[in-house]
Amino acid sequence: MLSAALKVIRTIREKYVCMKCDCIVQAAAPSHPIERGSPGKACWPGC
């Protein structure tokens, strides 16, 4: 059986500035496929 792990090294979110009102806008963070945890055996088909 092979085990694999994925690790996000860096998430880049660009910031934009409105020149009229000096407001800074940033894109929302991407969602995580598995919230706050490790995948169990049920997540991996064929185990």
Protein backbone atom coordinates (compact mmCIF):
# COMPACT_ATOMS: atom_id res chain seq x y z
CA MET A 1 0.00 0.00 0.00
CA LEU A 2 1.30 3.44 -0.90
CA SER A 3 0.64 6.48 1.22
CA ALA A 4 0.59 9.96 -0.20
CA ALA A 5 0.45 13.40 1.32
CA LEU A 6 -0.27 16.78 -0.17
CA LYS A 7 0.91 19.99 1.43
CA VAL A 8 0.02 23.54 0.44
CA ILE A 9 3.23 25.51 0.60
CA ARG A 10 1.79 28.95 -0.10
CA THR A 11 -1.58 30.36 -1.14
CA ILE A 12 -1.33 33.60 -3.09
CA ARG A 13 -4.25 36.01 -2.81
CA GLU A 14 -3.94 39.26 -4.69
CA LYS A 15 -4.94 42.57 -3.12
CA TYR A 16 -6.49 45.40 -5.10
CA VAL A 17 -6.83 49.07 -4.17
CA CYS A 18 -9.67 51.37 -5.26
CA MET A 19 -8.12 54.66 -6.34
CA LYS A 20 -11.31 56.63 -5.54
CA CYS A 21 -11.90 55.56 -1.95
CA ASP A 22 -8.53 53.97 -0.98
CA CYS A 23 -10.31 50.74 -0.07
CA ILE A 24 -8.28 47.49 -0.13
CA VAL A 25 -10.05 44.40 -1.48
CA GLN A 26 -8.69 40.87 -1.19
CA ALA A 27 -10.10 37.67 -2.65
CA ALA A 28 -11.61 35.14 -0.26
CA ALA A 29 -9.43 32.27 0.88
CA PRO A 30 -9.96 29.01 -1.00
CA SER A 31 -11.92 26.32 0.81
CA HIS A 32 -10.15 23.27 2.16
CA PRO A 33 -11.22 19.88 0.79
CA ILE A 34 -11.22 18.42 4.30
CA GLU A 35 -11.95 20.87 7.09
CA ARG A 36 -9.58 20.71 10.08
CA GLY A 37 -8.59 17.11 9.89
CA SER A 38 -6.98 14.21 8.17
CA PRO A 39 -8.86 12.05 5.68
CA GLY A 40 -9.98 8.71 7.01
CA LYS A 41 -10.14 5.41 5.17
CA ALA A 42 -13.65 6.25 3.95
CA CYS A 43 -12.22 9.10 1.86
CA TRP A 44 -9.83 6.88 -0.09
CA PRO A 45 -11.57 4.49 -2.48
CA GLY A 46 -9.95 1.11 -2.98
CA CYS A 47 -8.12 0.97 0.36
